[in-house]
Protein backbone atom coordinates (compact mmCIF):
# COMPACT_ATOMS: atom_id res chain seq x y z
CA UNK A 1 -41.63 38.61 4.40
CA UNK A 2 -43.94 37.50 7.19
CA UNK A 3 -43.70 33.80 8.10
CA UNK A 4 -46.70 31.51 8.37
CA UNK A 5 -48.59 32.83 11.42
CA UNK A 6 -47.44 31.63 14.77
CA UNK A 7 -49.90 29.93 17.11
CA UNK A 8 -52.34 32.42 18.63
CA UNK A 9 -54.27 32.38 21.88
CA UNK A 10 -58.06 32.33 22.09
CA UNK A 11 -57.91 35.65 23.94
CA UNK A 12 -56.14 37.22 20.99
CA UNK A 13 -58.79 35.88 18.63
CA UNK A 14 -61.64 37.22 20.74
CA UNK A 15 -59.97 40.61 20.88
CA UNK A 16 -59.77 40.87 17.09
CA UNK A 17 -63.35 39.56 16.77
CA UNK A 18 -64.56 42.38 19.01
CA UNK A 19 -62.56 44.88 16.95
CA UNK A 20 -63.93 43.63 13.63
CA UNK A 21 -67.50 43.56 14.96
CA UNK A 22 -67.27 47.14 16.18
CA UNK A 23 -65.72 48.30 12.90
CA UNK A 24 -68.63 46.78 10.96
CA UNK A 25 -71.16 48.48 13.20
CA UNK A 26 -69.34 51.80 13.01
CA UNK A 27 -69.33 51.63 9.21
CA UNK A 28 -72.81 50.31 8.51
CA UNK A 29 -74.82 50.98 11.65
CA UNK A 30 -78.54 50.22 11.38
CA UNK A 31 -78.11 48.44 8.02
CA UNK A 32 -76.82 45.48 10.03
CA UNK A 33 -79.44 43.39 11.82
CA UNK A 34 -77.12 40.83 13.37
CA UNK A 35 -73.54 39.58 13.45
CA UNK A 36 -72.72 36.01 14.43
CA UNK A 37 -69.56 33.99 14.90
CA UNK A 38 -69.51 30.45 13.49
CA UNK A 39 -67.09 27.63 12.85
CA UNK A 40 -64.67 26.06 15.29
CA UNK A 41 -64.05 29.34 17.14
CA UNK A 42 -67.76 29.70 17.92
CA UNK A 43 -67.85 26.14 19.26
CA UNK A 44 -64.74 26.58 21.38
CA UNK A 45 -62.96 23.73 19.60
CA UNK A 46 -60.60 25.88 17.54
CA UNK A 47 -56.91 25.31 17.26
CA UNK A 48 -54.24 28.00 17.27
CA UNK A 49 -54.37 28.29 13.46
CA UNK A 50 -58.16 28.23 13.03
CA UNK A 51 -59.93 30.82 10.86
CA UNK A 52 -62.22 33.50 12.27
CA UNK A 53 -65.59 33.26 10.51
CA UNK A 54 -68.34 35.87 10.84
CA UNK A 55 -71.87 35.94 9.44
CA UNK A 56 -73.39 39.40 8.92
CA UNK A 57 -77.15 39.73 8.35
CA UNK A 58 -78.33 42.98 6.76
CA UNK A 59 -81.74 44.45 6.16
CA UNK A 60 -83.48 43.29 3.00
CA UNK A 61 -82.49 45.54 0.13
CA UNK A 62 -79.14 46.40 1.70
CA UNK A 63 -76.15 44.83 -0.03
CA UNK A 64 -72.80 45.09 1.72
CA UNK A 65 -69.47 43.60 0.62
CA UNK A 66 -68.13 40.42 2.16
CA UNK A 67 -64.44 39.99 2.89
CA UNK A 68 -61.87 37.21 3.13
CA UNK A 69 -58.40 38.36 4.09
CA UNK A 70 -55.30 37.80 6.18
CA UNK A 71 -54.98 40.23 9.07
CA UNK A 72 -51.73 38.80 10.31
CA UNK A 73 -51.69 36.38 11.96
CA UNK A 74 -55.42 35.75 11.48
CA UNK A 75 -57.40 34.58 8.47
CA UNK A 76 -60.79 36.29 8.65
CA UNK A 77 -63.90 35.49 6.62
CA UNK A 78 -66.88 37.85 6.72
CA UNK A 79 -69.92 36.53 4.87
CA UNK A 80 -72.75 39.01 4.31
CA UNK A 81 -76.35 38.10 3.44
CA UNK A 82 -79.55 40.06 3.36
CA UNK A 83 -82.13 38.69 5.77
CA UNK A 84 -84.24 36.89 3.17
CA UNK A 85 -81.10 35.38 1.61
CA UNK A 86 -79.85 34.13 4.97
CA UNK A 87 -83.20 32.55 5.80
CA UNK A 88 -83.37 30.85 2.41
CA UNK A 89 -79.80 29.56 2.69
CA UNK A 90 -80.30 28.22 6.22
CA UNK A 91 -83.49 26.42 5.16
CA UNK A 92 -82.00 24.86 2.01
CA UNK A 93 -81.35 21.13 1.81
CA UNK A 94 -78.70 20.01 -0.65
CA UNK A 95 -75.91 17.45 -0.76
CA UNK A 96 -73.71 19.67 1.44
CA UNK A 97 -76.38 20.10 4.14
CA UNK A 98 -74.43 18.09 6.73
CA UNK A 99 -71.35 20.24 6.05
CA UNK A 100 -73.03 23.66 5.91
CA UNK A 101 -75.79 23.40 8.52
CA UNK A 102 -73.37 23.86 11.41
CA UNK A 103 -72.46 27.31 10.10
CA UNK A 104 -75.98 28.34 11.10
CA UNK A 105 -76.73 26.02 14.00
CA UNK A 106 -73.58 27.06 15.86
CA UNK A 107 -73.95 30.80 15.34
CA UNK A 108 -72.82 32.67 18.42
CA UNK A 109 -74.35 36.12 18.68
CA UNK A 110 -71.91 39.03 18.65
CA UNK A 111 -74.58 41.60 17.86
CA UNK A 112 -78.24 40.61 17.77
CA UNK A 113 -80.56 43.19 19.34
CA UNK A 114 -83.70 41.62 17.81
CA UNK A 115 -82.69 38.02 18.69
CA UNK A 116 -82.92 37.03 15.02
CA UNK A 117 -80.15 34.45 15.28
CA UNK A 118 -82.31 32.26 17.53
CA UNK A 119 -84.67 31.71 14.60
CA UNK A 120 -81.85 31.38 12.08
CA UNK A 121 -80.12 28.69 14.16
CA UNK A 122 -83.27 26.56 14.16
CA UNK A 123 -83.93 26.60 10.41
CA UNK A 124 -81.52 23.85 9.24
CA UNK A 125 -83.01 21.40 11.74
CA UNK A 126 -86.50 21.92 10.31
CA UNK A 127 -85.61 20.17 7.05
CA UNK A 128 -88.30 17.66 6.12
CA UNK A 129 -87.62 13.95 5.77
CA UNK A 130 -88.94 14.14 2.22
CA UNK A 131 -86.46 16.87 1.27
CA UNK A 132 -83.57 14.90 2.72
CA UNK A 133 -84.56 11.69 0.92
CA UNK A 134 -84.96 13.57 -2.38
CA UNK A 135 -81.46 15.01 -2.05
CA UNK A 136 -80.01 11.61 -1.18
CA UNK A 137 -81.64 10.09 -4.26
CA UNK A 138 -80.38 12.86 -6.54
CA UNK A 139 -76.88 12.89 -5.07
CA UNK A 140 -76.51 9.15 -5.59
CA UNK A 141 -77.19 9.72 -9.29
CA UNK A 142 -75.17 12.88 -9.75
CA UNK A 143 -72.06 11.96 -7.77
CA UNK A 144 -71.64 8.55 -6.16
CA UNK A 145 -72.83 6.48 -9.13
CA UNK A 146 -70.64 8.47 -11.50
CA UNK A 147 -67.62 8.21 -9.20
CA UNK A 148 -67.96 4.45 -8.95
CA UNK A 149 -68.20 4.25 -12.74
CA UNK A 150 -64.91 6.15 -13.05
CA UNK A 151 -63.30 3.85 -10.50
CA UNK A 152 -64.40 0.74 -12.41
CA UNK A 153 -63.36 2.20 -15.77
CA UNK A 154 -59.92 3.09 -14.39
CA UNK A 155 -59.44 -0.38 -12.94
CA UNK A 156 -60.42 -2.01 -16.22
CA UNK A 157 -58.13 0.29 -18.22
CA UNK A 158 -55.22 -0.17 -15.84
CA UNK A 159 -55.29 3.50 -14.85
CA UNK A 160 -54.37 2.82 -11.25
CA UNK A 161 -53.22 6.38 -10.62
CA UNK A 162 -56.86 7.52 -10.38
CA UNK A 163 -57.91 4.97 -7.77
CA UNK A 164 -56.64 6.88 -4.69
CA UNK A 165 -58.48 10.03 -5.79
CA UNK A 166 -61.59 8.04 -6.65
CA UNK A 167 -61.54 6.37 -3.24
CA UNK A 168 -61.24 9.75 -1.49
CA UNK A 169 -64.12 11.15 -3.54
CA UNK A 170 -66.32 8.15 -2.81
CA UNK A 171 -65.54 8.31 0.91
CA UNK A 172 -66.34 12.04 1.06
CA UNK A 173 -69.57 11.61 -0.89
CA UNK A 174 -70.59 8.79 1.43
CA UNK A 175 -69.88 10.95 4.49
CA UNK A 176 -72.23 13.61 3.14
CA UNK A 177 -74.93 10.98 2.61
CA UNK A 178 -74.43 9.64 6.14
CA UNK A 179 -74.93 13.11 7.59
CA UNK A 180 -78.15 13.50 5.63
CA UNK A 181 -79.49 10.07 6.56
CA UNK A 182 -78.86 10.72 10.24
CA UNK A 183 -80.13 14.32 10.07
CA UNK A 184 -76.85 15.28 11.70
CA UNK A 185 -74.31 17.92 10.77
CA UNK A 186 -70.55 17.89 11.12
CA UNK A 187 -68.91 20.27 13.56
CA UNK A 188 -65.92 20.92 11.34
CA UNK A 189 -64.78 19.71 7.94
CA UNK A 190 -61.50 18.60 9.47
CA UNK A 191 -63.28 15.97 11.59
CA UNK A 192 -65.99 14.88 9.17
CA UNK A 193 -64.72 11.33 8.77
CA UNK A 194 -64.20 10.80 12.49
CA UNK A 195 -67.65 12.15 13.35
CA UNK A 196 -69.34 10.15 10.57
CA UNK A 197 -68.04 6.92 12.12
CA UNK A 198 -70.03 7.72 15.27
CA UNK A 199 -73.36 8.03 13.47
CA UNK A 200 -75.70 5.05 13.85
CA UNK A 201 -76.88 4.67 10.24
CA UNK A 202 -74.00 3.91 7.88
CA UNK A 203 -73.52 1.71 4.81
CA UNK A 204 -71.53 -1.47 5.20
CA UNK A 205 -67.96 -1.05 3.99
CA UNK A 206 -67.80 2.64 4.89
CA UNK A 207 -65.60 2.20 7.95
CA UNK A 208 -63.09 0.10 6.03
CA UNK A 209 -62.80 2.60 3.18
CA UNK A 210 -62.58 5.63 5.47
CA UNK A 211 -59.90 4.05 7.64
CA UNK A 212 -57.86 3.41 4.48
CA UNK A 213 -58.33 7.02 3.33
CA UNK A 214 -57.58 8.51 6.75
CA UNK A 215 -54.40 6.46 7.07
CA UNK A 216 -53.19 7.59 3.65
CA UNK A 217 -52.41 3.98 2.77
CA UNK A 218 -53.71 4.13 -0.80
CA UNK A 219 -50.74 2.65 -2.66
CA UNK A 220 -52.18 -0.89 -2.93
CA UNK A 221 -54.42 -0.53 -5.99
CA UNK A 222 -56.10 -3.91 -5.58
CA UNK A 223 -56.98 -3.21 -1.94
CA UNK A 224 -58.24 0.29 -2.72
CA UNK A 225 -60.41 -1.05 -5.53
CA UNK A 226 -61.77 -3.84 -3.33
CA UNK A 227 -62.73 -1.35 -0.61
CA UNK A 228 -64.53 0.81 -3.18
CA UNK A 229 -66.50 -2.19 -4.44
CA UNK A 230 -67.29 -3.12 -0.85
CA UNK A 231 -68.79 0.24 0.02
CA UNK A 232 -70.63 0.43 -3.30
CA UNK A 233 -72.43 -2.78 -2.40
CA UNK A 234 -73.03 -1.39 1.07
CA UNK A 235 -74.42 1.88 -0.27
CA UNK A 236 -76.96 0.10 -2.45
CA UNK A 237 -78.04 -2.22 0.34
CA UNK A 238 -78.32 0.77 2.69
CA UNK A 239 -80.51 2.64 0.21
CA UNK A 240 -82.78 -0.37 -0.03
CA UNK A 241 -83.09 -0.45 3.76
CA UNK A 242 -83.90 3.26 3.78
CA UNK A 243 -86.47 2.80 1.02
CA UNK A 244 -84.72 5.15 -1.40
CA UNK A 245 -84.86 4.05 -5.05
CA UNK A 246 -82.60 6.02 -7.37
CA UNK A 247 -82.88 3.77 -10.43
CA UNK A 248 -85.83 3.77 -12.82
CA UNK A 249 -87.32 0.89 -14.78
CA UNK A 250 -88.88 3.10 -17.46
CA UNK A 251 -87.70 6.23 -19.20
CA UNK A 252 -88.71 9.28 -17.14
CA UNK A 253 -89.89 11.21 -20.21
């Protein structure tokens, strides 16, 4: 049985990337418009165990299979989208915008004879302020408000085992909101919390909760609950400052 992959050099990764790119072109030829590398490898900030992530853009009407597999010692992800699908995805604004946008913004061309990736890279940054505010309003209702309700219910019922998970969820949801509010995307999921702490617009109480989550010190239920209440107050004050109202005074129907 093969062990967990040993650390690999960047040169080894680039060699396999070239091999995979050429195999795709040999198989599908003119059906492929562009192939880009994204993720930490594309940014040059990868570690020895980082995945290899490729984005393949095909002609409209051409559907090719994507792949996710272990080619020892590499994990390789090949996402395939038709051109119109890729453009729609890169332009979309949702709650995960700050997490997903980098997968387009950081695309490094491996094959791009028509220079299509230049346009694709720019699309996430063209999101309108209105679209971002609408998503922030909806996400507060769909996720953060519900998570805080679960945290309060668990505290009242003495279900302290949920509080660490609730705190992690609330911290992650807040990080996504911070990315949206700052119109900034995270370079890698693994450093989302660290990068969020460098963004200028943040709710009060966020730093304290995130530091608790990052340290793994979530055994003190009273402290965890207090930090959640602190950021919940901060989130609502922050929304007021941003002029985003997610509560209604009359029924919407």
